[in-house]
Every structure is written in C-alpha cells, then in structure tokens.
Amino acid sequence: MQLPLQITVRDITPSETLEAHIRDKANKLDEFFDHIMSCRVVVEMPHKHQRQGKHFTVRIDLGVAGGEIVVNRDHAEDVYVALRDAFDAAKRQLEDYARKLRGAVKKHEAGTADAATGR
C-alpha cells in the first residue's frame, strides 16, 4: 500500500491480536491488487441489545486510482467472522475493478437482438 493502513475500533476494547488480524487481511488485499492507495478499516459494536448478543459492524474504505471501494458488513456475532466477510467482499469488488481496468468486462452492444429470443 502506498499510504498507511488506518484502523479504528469503536465501542469495543482494542487488542493487538485484532489489529494484527486486520493488518494481515489488508496485506493480503495489497498482494492481490497492488494499486491500493489507502485502506481504512472501522470496527464497531454500534448496538448493544441485551437479548441478541454482540453484533459488529465492519467498514472498509479502499482508495484506488479513479475512485473508492466501500464495503460494509453488519451483524456477525464474532468480530473475526465480520472481518472475514468484509475482506472477502472487498476482494470481490477489487476483482471487478481490476477486470474493468483491463477492459475484460463483457459489454452488451446496443441495438442487437438476441438470436434465441428475437429481442
């Protein structure tokens, strides 16, 4: 990454293990797609429901050339599951972005009819 990773933890006790896990996940994204310019990760427990247990929200903002990729994942009862789901979604969005950069996205031509349906 060209800019440092920014980690914010709200409403839960921060730990070195949690931060190391986030750094590991972010480094794997950077190995996958090396044009990430910034990465901000926010982990929080916004709702403290007595009957439903702990729910976490993870937000990942990735700065890439020409835009930003934003991922939000809510309501996993385990912070590590919420992080896994959020980083998996970020990787899928980076894959889509990389395909667009390469021009490998399938484009439908306007005005052509589908041979099977005649539309």
N, C-alpha and C. Protein backbone atom coordinates (compact mmCIF):
# COMPACT_ATOMS: atom_id res chain seq x y z
N MET A 1 0.84 -1.17 0.00
CA MET A 1 0.00 0.00 0.00
C MET A 1 0.88 1.24 0.00
N GLN A 2 0.47 2.22 -0.73
CA GLN A 2 1.25 3.44 -0.81
C GLN A 2 1.03 4.32 0.42
N LEU A 3 -0.15 4.29 0.99
CA LEU A 3 -0.44 5.05 2.20
C LEU A 3 -0.64 4.08 3.35
N PRO A 4 -0.40 4.52 4.59
CA PRO A 4 -0.54 3.59 5.72
C PRO A 4 -1.99 3.15 5.95
N LEU A 5 -2.09 2.01 6.55
CA LEU A 5 -3.39 1.45 6.94
C LEU A 5 -3.89 2.21 8.16
N GLN A 6 -5.16 2.59 8.13
CA GLN A 6 -5.77 3.28 9.27
C GLN A 6 -6.82 2.35 9.87
N ILE A 7 -6.66 2.02 11.15
CA ILE A 7 -7.59 1.13 11.85
C ILE A 7 -8.26 1.91 12.97
N THR A 8 -9.60 1.86 12.99
CA THR A 8 -10.37 2.50 14.05
C THR A 8 -11.25 1.43 14.70
N VAL A 9 -11.20 1.36 16.02
CA VAL A 9 -12.02 0.41 16.77
C VAL A 9 -12.88 1.24 17.72
N ARG A 10 -14.22 1.05 17.62
CA ARG A 10 -15.15 1.83 18.45
C ARG A 10 -16.03 0.89 19.28
N ASP A 11 -16.28 1.29 20.49
CA ASP A 11 -17.23 0.61 21.38
C ASP A 11 -16.84 -0.82 21.73
N ILE A 12 -15.62 -1.22 21.43
CA ILE A 12 -15.10 -2.50 21.90
C ILE A 12 -13.66 -2.26 22.34
N THR A 13 -13.16 -3.14 23.16
CA THR A 13 -11.79 -3.00 23.65
C THR A 13 -10.82 -3.39 22.54
N PRO A 14 -9.96 -2.46 22.13
CA PRO A 14 -8.99 -2.81 21.08
C PRO A 14 -7.95 -3.78 21.62
N SER A 15 -7.47 -4.64 20.73
CA SER A 15 -6.43 -5.58 21.14
C SER A 15 -5.39 -5.67 20.03
N GLU A 16 -4.20 -6.05 20.41
CA GLU A 16 -3.13 -6.21 19.42
C GLU A 16 -3.45 -7.37 18.49
N THR A 17 -4.12 -8.39 18.99
CA THR A 17 -4.49 -9.53 18.15
C THR A 17 -5.46 -9.10 17.06
N LEU A 18 -6.44 -8.30 17.43
CA LEU A 18 -7.42 -7.81 16.45
C LEU A 18 -6.74 -6.94 15.40
N GLU A 19 -5.87 -6.02 15.84
CA GLU A 19 -5.17 -5.16 14.89
C GLU A 19 -4.24 -5.97 13.98
N ALA A 20 -3.57 -6.96 14.53
CA ALA A 20 -2.69 -7.81 13.71
C ALA A 20 -3.50 -8.58 12.66
N HIS A 21 -4.68 -9.04 13.05
CA HIS A 21 -5.56 -9.76 12.12
C HIS A 21 -5.99 -8.83 10.98
N ILE A 22 -6.35 -7.60 11.31
CA ILE A 22 -6.76 -6.63 10.30
C ILE A 22 -5.59 -6.31 9.37
N ARG A 23 -4.41 -6.11 9.93
CA ARG A 23 -3.22 -5.83 9.11
C ARG A 23 -2.91 -6.99 8.16
N ASP A 24 -3.06 -8.21 8.65
CA ASP A 24 -2.82 -9.39 7.81
C ASP A 24 -3.80 -9.43 6.64
N LYS A 25 -5.08 -9.20 6.94
CA LYS A 25 -6.10 -9.20 5.88
C LYS A 25 -5.84 -8.08 4.86
N ALA A 26 -5.45 -6.90 5.34
CA ALA A 26 -5.17 -5.77 4.45
C ALA A 26 -3.95 -6.06 3.58
N ASN A 27 -2.92 -6.68 4.16
CA ASN A 27 -1.73 -7.03 3.38
C ASN A 27 -2.06 -8.04 2.29
N LYS A 28 -2.97 -8.96 2.57
CA LYS A 28 -3.37 -9.93 1.55
C LYS A 28 -4.10 -9.24 0.40
N LEU A 29 -4.92 -8.23 0.71
CA LEU A 29 -5.57 -7.45 -0.35
C LEU A 29 -4.52 -6.73 -1.19
N ASP A 30 -3.51 -6.18 -0.52
CA ASP A 30 -2.46 -5.45 -1.23
C ASP A 30 -1.64 -6.38 -2.12
N GLU A 31 -1.43 -7.62 -1.68
CA GLU A 31 -0.72 -8.60 -2.52
C GLU A 31 -1.56 -8.97 -3.73
N PHE A 32 -2.87 -9.04 -3.54
CA PHE A 32 -3.78 -9.40 -4.61
C PHE A 32 -3.87 -8.29 -5.66
N PHE A 33 -3.97 -7.04 -5.20
CA PHE A 33 -4.13 -5.89 -6.09
C PHE A 33 -3.22 -4.79 -5.58
N ASP A 34 -2.11 -4.55 -6.26
CA ASP A 34 -1.09 -3.65 -5.72
C ASP A 34 -1.32 -2.17 -6.02
N HIS A 35 -2.48 -1.80 -6.54
CA HIS A 35 -2.75 -0.39 -6.82
C HIS A 35 -3.66 0.24 -5.76
N ILE A 36 -3.68 -0.32 -4.58
CA ILE A 36 -4.45 0.26 -3.48
C ILE A 36 -3.64 1.42 -2.92
N MET A 37 -4.25 2.59 -2.87
CA MET A 37 -3.54 3.78 -2.38
C MET A 37 -3.79 4.05 -0.91
N SER A 38 -4.94 3.61 -0.40
CA SER A 38 -5.24 3.80 1.02
C SER A 38 -6.22 2.73 1.47
N CYS A 39 -6.19 2.45 2.77
CA CYS A 39 -7.11 1.47 3.34
C CYS A 39 -7.48 1.94 4.74
N ARG A 40 -8.79 2.13 4.95
CA ARG A 40 -9.31 2.50 6.26
C ARG A 40 -10.28 1.41 6.71
N VAL A 41 -10.08 0.91 7.91
CA VAL A 41 -10.95 -0.13 8.46
C VAL A 41 -11.53 0.38 9.77
N VAL A 42 -12.86 0.31 9.88
CA VAL A 42 -13.55 0.71 11.11
C VAL A 42 -14.31 -0.51 11.62
N VAL A 43 -14.05 -0.88 12.85
CA VAL A 43 -14.74 -1.99 13.51
C VAL A 43 -15.47 -1.39 14.70
N GLU A 44 -16.78 -1.66 14.78
CA GLU A 44 -17.54 -1.12 15.90
C GLU A 44 -18.66 -2.06 16.31
N MET A 45 -19.14 -1.83 17.51
CA MET A 45 -20.29 -2.55 18.03
C MET A 45 -21.34 -1.49 18.35
N PRO A 46 -22.10 -1.06 17.32
CA PRO A 46 -22.97 0.10 17.50
C PRO A 46 -24.21 -0.15 18.33
N HIS A 47 -24.75 -1.34 18.32
CA HIS A 47 -25.99 -1.63 19.04
C HIS A 47 -25.71 -2.63 20.15
N LYS A 48 -26.11 -2.28 21.32
CA LYS A 48 -25.88 -3.17 22.45
C LYS A 48 -27.23 -3.71 22.93
N HIS A 49 -27.75 -4.69 22.19
CA HIS A 49 -29.02 -5.30 22.55
C HIS A 49 -28.79 -6.36 23.62
N GLN A 50 -29.61 -6.34 24.63
CA GLN A 50 -29.43 -7.28 25.72
C GLN A 50 -29.77 -8.71 25.31
N ARG A 51 -30.75 -8.90 24.45
CA ARG A 51 -31.19 -10.25 24.12
C ARG A 51 -30.52 -10.84 22.90
N GLN A 52 -29.93 -10.02 22.07
CA GLN A 52 -29.40 -10.53 20.81
C GLN A 52 -27.90 -10.76 20.83
N GLY A 53 -27.23 -10.49 21.88
CA GLY A 53 -25.79 -10.70 21.94
C GLY A 53 -25.03 -9.58 21.25
N LYS A 54 -23.76 -9.82 21.00
CA LYS A 54 -22.91 -8.81 20.40
C LYS A 54 -23.02 -8.87 18.88
N HIS A 55 -23.16 -7.70 18.27
CA HIS A 55 -23.18 -7.58 16.82
C HIS A 55 -22.14 -6.55 16.43
N PHE A 56 -21.38 -6.85 15.40
CA PHE A 56 -20.30 -5.98 14.97
C PHE A 56 -20.57 -5.43 13.58
N THR A 57 -20.07 -4.24 13.34
CA THR A 57 -20.12 -3.62 12.03
C THR A 57 -18.69 -3.37 11.58
N VAL A 58 -18.39 -3.77 10.35
CA VAL A 58 -17.06 -3.54 9.78
C VAL A 58 -17.24 -2.72 8.51
N ARG A 59 -16.48 -1.66 8.39
CA ARG A 59 -16.48 -0.83 7.18
C ARG A 59 -15.05 -0.76 6.67
N ILE A 60 -14.89 -1.02 5.38
CA ILE A 60 -13.58 -0.94 4.74
C ILE A 60 -13.69 0.07 3.60
N ASP A 61 -12.82 1.06 3.61
CA ASP A 61 -12.73 2.05 2.53
C ASP A 61 -11.37 1.87 1.86
N LEU A 62 -11.38 1.48 0.60
CA LEU A 62 -10.15 1.31 -0.16
C LEU A 62 -10.05 2.42 -1.19
N GLY A 63 -8.99 3.18 -1.14
CA GLY A 63 -8.75 4.20 -2.15
C GLY A 63 -7.98 3.57 -3.30
N VAL A 64 -8.55 3.64 -4.49
CA VAL A 64 -7.90 3.12 -5.70
C VAL A 64 -7.88 4.23 -6.73
N ALA A 65 -7.04 4.09 -7.73
CA ALA A 65 -6.94 5.11 -8.77
C ALA A 65 -8.31 5.32 -9.41
N GLY A 66 -8.78 6.53 -9.40
CA GLY A 66 -10.05 6.83 -10.04
C GLY A 66 -11.27 6.60 -9.19
N GLY A 67 -11.11 6.26 -7.91
CA GLY A 67 -12.30 6.07 -7.10
C GLY A 67 -12.03 5.46 -5.75
N GLU A 68 -13.10 4.94 -5.19
CA GLU A 68 -13.03 4.34 -3.86
C GLU A 68 -13.94 3.12 -3.83
N ILE A 69 -13.50 2.10 -3.14
CA ILE A 69 -14.30 0.89 -2.94
C ILE A 69 -14.69 0.88 -1.47
N VAL A 70 -15.99 0.77 -1.22
CA VAL A 70 -16.50 0.81 0.16
C VAL A 70 -17.26 -0.48 0.43
N VAL A 71 -16.95 -1.10 1.56
CA VAL A 71 -17.61 -2.35 1.96
C VAL A 71 -18.13 -2.15 3.38
N ASN A 72 -19.38 -2.53 3.60
CA ASN A 72 -19.98 -2.51 4.94
C ASN A 72 -20.52 -3.92 5.23
N ARG A 73 -20.19 -4.44 6.37
CA ARG A 73 -20.74 -5.73 6.80
C ARG A 73 -21.23 -5.59 8.23
N ASP A 74 -22.45 -6.03 8.47
CA ASP A 74 -23.09 -5.86 9.77
C ASP A 74 -23.49 -7.20 10.38
N HIS A 75 -23.61 -7.19 11.67
CA HIS A 75 -24.33 -8.18 12.47
C HIS A 75 -23.76 -9.59 12.47
N ALA A 76 -22.48 -9.74 12.45
CA ALA A 76 -21.91 -11.05 12.74
C ALA A 76 -21.63 -11.06 14.24
N GLU A 77 -21.91 -12.14 14.89
CA GLU A 77 -21.73 -12.19 16.34
C GLU A 77 -20.28 -12.35 16.75
N ASP A 78 -19.41 -12.64 15.80
CA ASP A 78 -17.99 -12.77 16.07
C ASP A 78 -17.27 -11.72 15.23
N VAL A 79 -16.43 -10.92 15.86
CA VAL A 79 -15.75 -9.84 15.14
C VAL A 79 -14.87 -10.40 14.02
N TYR A 80 -14.29 -11.58 14.22
CA TYR A 80 -13.42 -12.17 13.20
C TYR A 80 -14.22 -12.66 12.00
N VAL A 81 -15.45 -13.12 12.23
CA VAL A 81 -16.33 -13.51 11.13
C VAL A 81 -16.75 -12.26 10.35
N ALA A 82 -17.06 -11.19 11.05
CA ALA A 82 -17.42 -9.94 10.39
C ALA A 82 -16.26 -9.42 9.55
N LEU A 83 -15.04 -9.51 10.07
CA LEU A 83 -13.87 -9.08 9.31
C LEU A 83 -13.65 -9.97 8.10
N ARG A 84 -13.78 -11.26 8.26
CA ARG A 84 -13.60 -12.19 7.13
C ARG A 84 -14.59 -11.86 6.02
N ASP A 85 -15.85 -11.70 6.39
CA ASP A 85 -16.88 -11.40 5.38
C ASP A 85 -16.61 -10.06 4.68
N ALA A 86 -16.20 -9.06 5.44
CA ALA A 86 -15.94 -7.74 4.86
C ALA A 86 -14.74 -7.79 3.92
N PHE A 87 -13.67 -8.45 4.32
CA PHE A 87 -12.49 -8.52 3.46
C PHE A 87 -12.74 -9.40 2.24
N ASP A 88 -13.56 -10.44 2.37
CA ASP A 88 -13.93 -11.25 1.20
C ASP A 88 -14.71 -10.40 0.20
N ALA A 89 -15.62 -9.59 0.69
CA ALA A 89 -16.40 -8.71 -0.18
C ALA A 89 -15.49 -7.67 -0.84
N ALA A 90 -14.53 -7.15 -0.09
CA ALA A 90 -13.59 -6.18 -0.66
C ALA A 90 -12.76 -6.83 -1.77
N LYS A 91 -12.35 -8.07 -1.56
CA LYS A 91 -11.57 -8.76 -2.60
C LYS A 91 -12.41 -8.95 -3.87
N ARG A 92 -13.67 -9.31 -3.71
CA ARG A 92 -14.55 -9.48 -4.88
C ARG A 92 -14.71 -8.15 -5.62
N GLN A 93 -14.87 -7.06 -4.88
CA GLN A 93 -15.01 -5.76 -5.53
C GLN A 93 -13.70 -5.34 -6.21
N LEU A 94 -12.56 -5.68 -5.61
CA LEU A 94 -11.28 -5.40 -6.25
C LEU A 94 -11.12 -6.21 -7.53
N GLU A 95 -11.58 -7.47 -7.51
CA GLU A 95 -11.53 -8.30 -8.72
C GLU A 95 -12.34 -7.65 -9.84
N ASP A 96 -13.54 -7.17 -9.52
CA ASP A 96 -14.37 -6.49 -10.51
C ASP A 96 -13.68 -5.23 -11.02
N TYR A 97 -13.10 -4.47 -10.12
CA TYR A 97 -12.41 -3.25 -10.50
C TYR A 97 -11.22 -3.56 -11.42
N ALA A 98 -10.45 -4.61 -11.09
CA ALA A 98 -9.29 -4.99 -11.90
C ALA A 98 -9.74 -5.42 -13.30
N ARG A 99 -10.87 -6.14 -13.39
CA ARG A 99 -11.39 -6.53 -14.71
C ARG A 99 -11.76 -5.30 -15.53
N LYS A 100 -12.36 -4.32 -14.90
CA LYS A 100 -12.71 -3.09 -15.61
C LYS A 100 -11.47 -2.37 -16.12
N LEU A 101 -10.41 -2.35 -15.29
CA LEU A 101 -9.17 -1.70 -15.71
C LEU A 101 -8.54 -2.41 -16.91
N ARG A 102 -8.63 -3.73 -16.94
CA ARG A 102 -8.07 -4.50 -18.05
C ARG A 102 -8.96 -4.46 -19.28
N GLY A 103 -10.19 -4.00 -19.11
CA GLY A 103 -11.12 -4.00 -20.24
C GLY A 103 -11.73 -5.35 -20.48
N ALA A 104 -11.71 -6.20 -19.47
CA ALA A 104 -12.22 -7.56 -19.62
C ALA A 104 -13.69 -7.68 -19.25
N VAL A 105 -14.37 -6.57 -19.05
CA VAL A 105 -15.78 -6.60 -18.69
C VAL A 105 -16.60 -6.80 -19.95
N LYS A 106 -17.53 -7.74 -19.90
CA LYS A 106 -18.39 -8.00 -21.04
C LYS A 106 -19.31 -6.81 -21.27
N LYS A 107 -19.35 -6.34 -22.50
CA LYS A 107 -20.20 -5.20 -22.83
C LYS A 107 -21.26 -5.66 -23.81
N HIS A 108 -22.48 -5.25 -23.59
CA HIS A 108 -23.59 -5.56 -24.47
C HIS A 108 -23.72 -4.45 -25.49
N GLU A 109 -23.79 -4.83 -26.75
CA GLU A 109 -23.93 -3.82 -27.78
C GLU A 109 -25.38 -3.38 -27.89
N ALA A 110 -25.58 -2.11 -28.03
CA ALA A 110 -26.93 -1.57 -28.14
C ALA A 110 -27.50 -1.87 -29.52
N GLY A 111 -28.77 -2.22 -29.55
CA GLY A 111 -29.46 -2.41 -30.82
C GLY A 111 -29.32 -3.79 -31.43
N THR A 112 -28.64 -4.72 -30.80
CA THR A 112 -28.54 -6.07 -31.35
C THR A 112 -29.57 -6.96 -30.69
N ALA A 113 -30.16 -7.84 -31.45
CA ALA A 113 -31.19 -8.74 -30.93
C ALA A 113 -30.57 -10.05 -30.50
N ASP A 114 -31.11 -10.62 -29.48
CA ASP A 114 -30.70 -11.93 -29.02
C ASP A 114 -31.26 -12.97 -29.99
N ALA A 115 -30.41 -13.84 -30.51
CA ALA A 115 -30.82 -14.81 -31.51
C ALA A 115 -31.86 -15.79 -30.98
N ALA A 116 -31.77 -16.13 -29.69
CA ALA A 116 -32.68 -17.11 -29.13
C ALA A 116 -34.08 -16.53 -28.88
N THR A 117 -34.14 -15.27 -28.47
CA THR A 117 -35.44 -14.69 -28.11
C THR A 117 -35.99 -13.75 -29.16
N GLY A 118 -35.12 -13.26 -30.05
CA GLY A 118 -35.57 -12.33 -31.07
C GLY A 118 -35.79 -10.93 -30.54
N ARG A 119 -35.32 -10.67 -29.34
CA ARG A 119 -35.49 -9.33 -28.75
C ARG A 119 -34.25 -8.51 -28.91
